Protein backbone atom coordinates (compact mmCIF):
# COMPACT_ATOMS: atom_id res chain seq x y z
CA MET A 1 -0.88 6.88 16.00
CA VAL A 2 -1.93 4.52 18.73
CA GLN A 3 0.76 3.89 21.32
CA ASP A 4 -0.32 0.52 22.63
CA SER A 5 -1.06 -2.70 20.80
CA GLY A 6 -3.50 -4.15 23.27
CA VAL A 7 -6.32 -6.08 21.71
CA GLY A 8 -9.70 -4.83 22.83
CA PRO A 9 -13.15 -5.24 21.36
CA GLN A 10 -13.08 -4.09 17.76
CA ARG A 11 -15.46 -1.30 16.92
CA LEU A 12 -16.86 -0.64 13.49
CA LEU A 13 -16.34 2.92 12.35
CA SER A 14 -19.38 5.17 12.09
CA GLU A 15 -20.86 6.15 8.75
CA ALA A 16 -19.47 9.66 9.22
CA ASP A 17 -15.98 8.27 9.84
CA LEU A 18 -16.23 6.03 6.76
CA GLU A 19 -17.31 8.97 4.61
CA LEU A 20 -14.37 11.02 5.86
CA ILE A 21 -11.88 8.24 5.13
CA ASP A 22 -13.44 7.64 1.71
CA ALA A 23 -13.04 11.34 0.92
CA LEU A 24 -9.36 11.20 1.83
CA GLN A 25 -8.87 8.01 -0.16
CA ILE A 26 -10.10 9.92 -3.20
CA ASN A 27 -7.92 12.94 -2.46
CA PRO A 28 -5.60 12.50 0.55
CA ARG A 29 -4.47 16.15 0.50
CA ALA A 30 -7.87 17.75 -0.08
CA SER A 31 -8.60 20.84 1.99
CA TRP A 32 -10.88 20.45 5.00
CA VAL A 33 -13.30 22.80 3.25
CA ASP A 34 -13.59 20.41 0.29
CA VAL A 35 -13.71 17.34 2.54
CA GLY A 36 -16.43 18.96 4.66
CA THR A 37 -18.46 19.85 1.59
CA ALA A 38 -18.25 16.26 0.28
CA THR A 39 -19.18 14.69 3.62
CA GLY A 40 -21.73 17.23 4.83
CA ALA A 41 -19.63 18.34 7.80
CA ASP A 42 -18.10 21.71 8.62
CA PRO A 43 -14.31 21.89 8.07
CA VAL A 44 -13.48 22.11 11.79
CA THR A 45 -15.53 19.00 12.58
CA ALA A 46 -13.95 17.08 9.68
CA ALA A 47 -10.44 18.03 10.85
CA ARG A 48 -11.17 17.04 14.46
CA ARG A 49 -12.69 13.74 13.39
CA TRP A 50 -9.59 12.98 11.31
CA GLN A 51 -7.32 13.91 14.22
CA ARG A 52 -9.14 11.38 16.40
CA LEU A 53 -8.96 8.61 13.78
CA ASN A 54 -5.31 9.27 13.08
CA GLY A 55 -4.41 9.54 16.76
CA SER A 56 -6.01 6.17 17.51
CA GLY A 57 -4.16 4.50 14.64
CA GLU A 58 -7.42 3.69 12.88
CA ALA A 59 -6.66 5.72 9.75
CA TRP A 60 -3.65 7.46 8.23
CA THR A 61 -2.36 9.16 5.09
CA THR A 62 1.02 8.71 3.50
CA VAL A 63 2.94 9.23 0.28
CA ALA A 64 3.47 6.34 -2.12
CA LEU A 65 5.58 5.55 -5.14
CA GLY A 66 3.77 6.66 -8.30
CA GLN A 67 3.39 4.68 -11.49
CA ARG A 68 6.51 6.12 -13.17
CA GLN A 69 8.65 5.16 -10.20
CA MET A 70 7.01 1.74 -9.99
CA HIS A 71 7.97 1.13 -13.62
CA THR A 72 11.64 1.90 -12.90
CA MET A 73 11.89 0.18 -9.50
CA SER A 74 12.48 -3.53 -8.94
CA MET A 75 9.71 -5.23 -6.96
CA ALA A 76 9.54 -8.82 -5.76
CA PHE A 77 6.94 -10.84 -3.90
CA LEU A 78 8.56 -13.18 -1.40
CA GLU A 79 7.41 -16.46 0.12
CA ILE A 80 9.46 -17.04 3.27
CA ASP A 81 9.78 -20.21 5.34
CA CYS A 82 10.72 -19.82 9.00
CA GLU A 83 11.96 -22.12 11.73
CA ALA A 84 9.22 -23.60 13.86
CA GLY A 85 7.86 -20.91 16.20
CA ALA A 86 10.01 -18.15 14.67
CA ALA A 87 7.55 -16.55 12.23
CA VAL A 88 6.41 -13.76 14.59
CA ASP A 89 9.98 -12.77 15.44
CA VAL A 90 11.05 -12.90 11.79
CA ALA A 91 8.08 -10.75 10.78
CA GLY A 92 8.97 -8.25 13.48
CA ALA A 93 12.55 -8.04 12.25
CA LEU A 94 11.57 -7.67 8.61
CA ALA A 95 9.00 -5.00 9.44
CA THR A 96 11.84 -2.66 10.45
CA GLU A 97 13.32 -2.68 6.93
CA GLY A 98 12.35 0.27 4.74
CA HIS A 99 12.67 -1.68 1.49
CA LEU A 100 10.21 -4.34 2.71
CA ILE A 101 6.94 -2.46 2.39
CA THR A 102 4.47 -5.18 3.40
CA VAL A 103 4.83 -8.21 5.72
CA GLN A 104 1.99 -10.69 6.22
CA HIS A 105 1.46 -14.05 7.91
CA VAL A 106 -0.33 -16.44 5.56
CA ALA A 107 -2.03 -19.83 5.78
CA ALA A 108 0.10 -21.62 3.19
CA ASP A 109 3.05 -23.97 2.74
CA HIS A 110 5.24 -21.03 3.76
CA ASP A 111 4.96 -18.66 6.72
CA LEU A 112 5.29 -15.11 5.42
CA PHE A 113 4.33 -13.14 2.34
CA VAL A 114 6.53 -10.06 1.88
CA ILE A 115 6.71 -7.31 -0.74
CA ALA A 116 10.20 -5.95 -1.40
CA VAL A 117 11.13 -2.92 -3.51
CA ALA A 118 14.51 -1.53 -4.51
CA ALA A 119 15.82 1.13 -6.87
CA SER A 120 17.60 -1.45 -9.04
CA THR A 121 17.62 -5.17 -9.78
CA PRO A 122 21.28 -5.63 -8.69
CA ALA A 123 20.50 -4.04 -5.31
CA LEU A 124 17.45 -6.26 -4.85
CA ALA A 125 19.40 -9.34 -5.93
CA ASP A 126 22.16 -8.67 -3.40
CA TYR A 127 19.61 -8.43 -0.62
CA LEU A 128 17.71 -11.57 -1.64
CA LEU A 129 20.83 -13.68 -2.19
CA THR A 130 22.97 -12.49 0.71
CA ASP A 131 21.19 -10.57 3.46
CA LEU A 132 17.68 -12.03 3.72
CA PRO A 133 18.77 -15.71 4.04
CA ARG A 134 20.94 -14.68 7.02
CA VAL A 135 18.06 -13.21 9.04
CA PRO A 136 17.74 -15.39 12.17
CA GLY A 137 14.81 -17.77 11.81
CA VAL A 138 14.60 -17.65 7.98
CA THR A 139 15.07 -21.07 6.38
CA LYS A 140 14.04 -20.54 2.76
CA VAL A 141 13.10 -17.69 0.42
CA ARG A 142 11.25 -17.93 -2.89
CA ALA A 143 11.20 -14.70 -4.90
CA HIS A 144 8.77 -13.75 -7.66
CA VAL A 145 9.90 -10.69 -9.62
CA ALA A 146 7.27 -8.26 -10.89
CA THR A 147 7.50 -7.28 -14.55
CA ARG A 148 4.57 -4.84 -14.38
CA VAL A 149 2.80 -3.41 -11.35
CA PHE A 150 -0.79 -2.47 -12.14
CA GLU A 151 -1.75 -1.45 -8.62
CA ALA A 152 -0.11 -1.26 -5.20
CA SER A 153 -3.14 -0.47 -3.02
CA CYS A 154 -3.35 3.26 -3.83
CA ARG A 155 -6.63 3.26 -5.75
CA TRP A 156 -8.93 1.12 -3.62
CA ARG A 157 -11.47 2.98 -1.55
CA LEU A 158 -14.46 2.36 0.69
CA ARG A 159 -16.91 3.71 -1.92
CA VAL A 160 -19.43 5.09 0.55
CA LEU A 161 -19.64 8.62 -0.87
CA SER A 162 -22.10 9.38 -3.63
CA PRO A 163 -20.68 9.56 -7.18
CA ARG A 164 -21.34 13.31 -7.19
CA SER A 165 -19.37 13.91 -3.99
CA ALA A 166 -16.59 11.58 -5.12
CA GLY A 167 -16.34 13.36 -8.47
CA ALA A 168 -16.01 16.75 -6.80
CA LEU A 169 -13.01 15.51 -4.82
CA ALA A 170 -11.24 13.74 -7.69
CA ARG A 171 -7.64 14.75 -8.20
CA ARG A 172 -6.88 16.41 -11.53
CA PRO A 173 -3.13 17.06 -11.78
CA GLY A 174 -2.07 19.36 -14.60
CA PRO A 175 0.78 18.73 -17.01
CA PRO A 176 4.21 18.73 -15.34
CA GLU A 177 6.49 21.72 -15.79
CA SER A 178 9.37 19.27 -16.17
CA THR A 179 9.65 15.50 -16.56
CA ARG A 180 13.12 15.16 -15.07
CA GLN A 181 13.84 12.29 -12.70
CA MET A 182 13.64 12.62 -8.92
CA ASP A 183 16.66 14.26 -7.30
CA GLU A 184 17.82 14.20 -3.68
CA THR A 185 15.48 17.04 -2.63
CA ASP A 186 12.54 15.17 -4.14
CA ARG A 187 13.50 12.06 -2.19
CA LEU A 188 13.73 14.09 1.01
CA LEU A 189 10.22 15.38 0.35
CA PHE A 190 9.03 11.81 -0.23
CA LYS A 191 10.51 10.67 3.07
CA ALA A 192 9.11 13.70 4.93
CA LEU A 193 5.59 12.83 3.70
CA LEU A 194 5.74 9.18 4.75
CA ALA A 195 4.71 9.84 8.35
CA ASP A 196 1.92 12.24 7.35
CA GLY A 197 0.72 12.55 3.78
CA ARG A 198 -1.18 15.71 4.77
CA ALA A 199 1.86 17.55 6.11
CA SER A 200 1.59 21.25 5.22
CA TYR A 201 3.87 23.05 2.79
CA SER A 202 5.37 25.00 5.68
CA GLU A 203 6.08 21.84 7.67
CA LEU A 204 7.69 20.20 4.66
CA ALA A 205 9.71 23.32 3.88
CA GLY A 206 11.12 23.33 7.41
CA THR A 207 12.00 19.64 7.26
CA VAL A 208 13.61 19.68 3.82
CA GLY A 209 15.19 23.14 4.04
CA VAL A 210 13.60 24.82 1.01
CA SER A 211 10.90 27.44 0.54
CA GLU A 212 7.17 26.68 0.71
CA ARG A 213 6.84 27.70 -2.93
CA THR A 214 9.55 25.23 -3.88
CA VAL A 215 7.77 22.47 -1.97
CA GLN A 216 4.46 23.25 -3.66
CA ARG A 217 6.04 23.36 -7.12
CA ARG A 218 7.98 20.15 -6.64
CA LEU A 219 5.03 18.20 -5.24
CA SER A 220 2.83 19.32 -8.13
CA ARG A 221 5.45 18.12 -10.59
CA LEU A 222 6.06 14.81 -8.80
CA VAL A 223 2.35 14.01 -8.80
CA ALA A 224 1.88 15.06 -12.44
CA THR A 225 4.81 12.93 -13.65
CA GLY A 226 3.64 9.89 -11.67
CA ASP A 227 6.72 9.81 -9.46
CA ILE A 228 4.64 9.98 -6.28
CA ASP A 229 1.07 9.34 -5.27
CA PHE A 230 -0.81 9.71 -2.01
CA ARG A 231 -2.87 7.12 -0.17
CA CYS A 232 -5.19 6.96 2.79
CA ASP A 233 -5.61 3.67 4.59
CA LEU A 234 -7.23 2.40 7.74
CA ALA A 235 -7.57 -0.49 10.15
CA ARG A 236 -9.55 -2.39 7.55
CA SER A 237 -11.42 -4.70 9.90
CA HIS A 238 -12.94 -1.60 11.51
CA ALA A 239 -14.65 -0.94 8.17
CA GLY A 240 -15.91 -4.50 7.71
CA TRP A 241 -12.98 -5.83 5.66
CA HIS A 242 -12.09 -8.59 8.11
CA SER A 243 -9.92 -10.75 5.88
CA SER A 244 -7.70 -10.75 2.81
CA ALA A 245 -6.08 -13.24 0.48
CA VAL A 246 -3.19 -13.71 -1.94
CA LEU A 247 -4.00 -15.29 -5.30
CA TRP A 248 -1.43 -16.61 -7.77
CA LEU A 249 -2.80 -16.75 -11.32
CA ARG A 250 -1.80 -18.28 -14.64
CA MET A 251 -2.90 -16.91 -18.01
CA PRO A 252 -1.58 -16.33 -21.54
CA ASP A 253 1.05 -13.60 -21.47
CA GLY A 254 -0.78 -11.73 -24.20
CA LEU A 255 -3.74 -11.20 -21.87
CA LEU A 256 -1.84 -9.93 -18.82
CA GLU A 257 -2.28 -6.24 -19.61
CA GLU A 258 -5.98 -6.53 -20.38
CA THR A 259 -6.64 -8.60 -17.26
CA GLY A 260 -4.60 -6.39 -14.94
CA ARG A 261 -6.38 -3.24 -16.10
CA ALA A 262 -9.79 -4.89 -15.71
CA LEU A 263 -8.98 -6.00 -12.16
CA LEU A 264 -8.23 -2.40 -11.17
CA GLY A 265 -11.96 -1.77 -11.20
CA TRP A 266 -12.79 -4.54 -8.73
CA PRO A 267 -13.51 -3.22 -5.22
CA GLU A 268 -11.64 -6.17 -3.69
CA THR A 269 -8.36 -5.52 -5.56
CA ARG A 270 -5.49 -4.30 -3.41
CA THR A 271 -2.29 -5.26 -5.30
CA CYS A 272 -2.05 -6.56 -8.84
CA ALA A 273 1.17 -7.30 -10.74
CA ALA A 274 2.45 -9.34 -13.66
CA LEU A 275 5.23 -11.76 -12.74
CA ALA A 276 8.21 -13.34 -14.50
CA GLY A 277 7.23 -16.96 -13.86
CA ALA A 278 4.79 -19.74 -14.62
CA ARG A 279 2.45 -18.13 -12.10
CA ASN A 280 2.48 -14.90 -14.04
CA MET A 281 0.08 -12.69 -12.09
CA LEU A 282 -0.27 -11.88 -8.42
CA LEU A 283 -3.50 -10.52 -7.03
CA THR A 284 -4.12 -9.58 -3.41
CA VAL A 285 -7.73 -8.96 -2.42
CA GLY A 286 -9.68 -7.64 0.53
CA LEU A 287 -12.54 -9.77 1.83
CA HIS A 288 -15.38 -9.01 4.21
CA THR A 289 -15.17 -12.61 5.49
CA VAL A 290 -13.07 -15.67 4.67
CA SER A 291 -16.11 -17.27 3.04
CA ASP A 292 -16.09 -14.52 0.39
CA LEU A 293 -12.98 -16.05 -1.18
CA HIS A 294 -14.80 -18.82 -3.07
CA PRO A 295 -17.42 -16.55 -4.72
CA LEU A 296 -14.59 -14.20 -5.75
CA VAL A 297 -12.66 -17.07 -7.34
CA VAL A 298 -15.79 -18.17 -9.20
CA ARG A 299 -16.29 -14.60 -10.42
CA LEU A 300 -12.66 -14.48 -11.58
CA GLU A 301 -13.02 -17.69 -13.55
CA GLU A 302 -16.31 -16.60 -15.10
CA ARG A 303 -15.09 -13.10 -16.03
CA PHE A 304 -11.70 -14.35 -17.29
CA PRO A 305 -12.21 -17.93 -18.56
CA TYR A 306 -8.56 -18.15 -19.62
CA VAL A 307 -7.34 -17.60 -16.05
CA ARG A 308 -6.25 -20.52 -13.87
CA ILE A 309 -5.94 -20.14 -10.10
CA ALA A 310 -2.54 -21.68 -9.34
CA ASP A 311 -2.73 -21.08 -5.59
CA ARG A 312 -4.63 -19.08 -2.99
CA GLN A 313 -3.68 -18.14 0.55
CA ILE A 314 -5.66 -16.49 3.32
CA VAL A 315 -3.79 -13.76 5.21
CA LEU A 316 -3.74 -14.56 8.92
CA ARG A 317 -2.29 -11.25 10.08
CA GLN A 318 -0.80 -8.12 8.56
CA SER A 319 2.32 -7.11 10.47
CA LYS A 320 3.21 -4.27 8.13
CA LEU A 321 1.25 -2.50 5.40
CA TYR A 322 3.03 -0.07 3.09
CA GLY A 323 5.38 1.20 5.78
CA ARG A 324 2.89 1.04 8.66
CA VAL A 325 3.47 -1.43 11.49
CA LEU A 326 0.10 -2.80 12.57
CA ASP A 327 -1.24 -4.42 15.71
CA SER A 328 -3.40 -7.54 15.62
CA SER A 329 -6.54 -5.48 14.96
CA GLY A 330 -4.94 -3.60 12.05
CA ARG A 331 -4.30 -0.29 13.83
CA CYS A 332 -1.11 1.59 13.06
CA THR A 333 1.39 1.50 15.94
CA ASP A 334 4.53 2.75 14.20
CA VAL A 335 5.89 4.11 10.93
CA VAL A 336 8.84 2.57 9.09
CA PRO A 337 9.52 4.92 6.17
CA VAL A 338 9.34 3.26 2.75
CA ASP A 339 12.85 3.64 1.36
CA PRO A 340 13.63 1.72 -1.83
CA TRP A 341 16.85 3.72 -2.15
CA SER A 342 18.21 2.22 1.08
CA LEU A 343 19.51 -0.78 -0.85
CA SER A 344 22.51 -0.31 -3.12
CA PRO A 345 24.38 -2.95 -5.13
CA ARG A 346 27.70 -4.15 -3.76
CA GLY A 347 30.93 -4.16 -5.65
């Protein structure tokens, strides 16, 4: 990852770099042989190109919570007010917390938009009611609890590869050998993969203290059961996605599932979740420019005439994105492991 956060002229990634990243968004742990075949490069060249992108902080792979875990976890979207001039310091402090997976500055009637995740509702409640309000510079917290998470930025991709190449790379996990819940070894594997989603079986075996075969078997099961997923992300402005926005939607509860599933197919969709409130759906979107927000809203209202846009907020800066601390140009400068198990209820 990049070691400095200096802001220099932003460069757009080359077509070859975009194809490589797209390939790893489809299958973050694909072999370099398969990646090379899909992108028209030899495996050594593909690996070297990835090493350069990853070393500069422009692209990275990591492990993510899968759909089964997301259904059992407690997630909340937070609107945080800060003291005048304190938002940058507060964001920096919150970015160090493993249970706060995303921290963004927004143009809104609050300063920060934060995504929090915990293994249980009591643990999340203790943090929101006791710990977060005591963070220096925080003046007010509004929490919106997710009742269903449709997407947490694992499926979006650049879509530059041809359908044929993309199809050849698609992940096809088999049925799990067991559907038991994650144990401590599984959680250690999850944490070991956070810094590098492409870590080899031998590297993971050495870190966790089990055999390579055990690592391979456990990862296959965790993916098949939906306990974990893998994602590849990048400094998005370097690929032409220069802006993003948070939209708060209202709709009949009976149409939440249908709408959420439909929005998964939109190339702009990053996070989509049903909420327990009057504003009952949250949608975060990527934008090429700020001016793209209005056409997207029009498209939303035309495609889903029952949807009402309750509020919309442009993201000014992403300080943290799914465990990655970012500089002002979106490059990764540090890793804060996602750890929803770090919070435990008191008493």
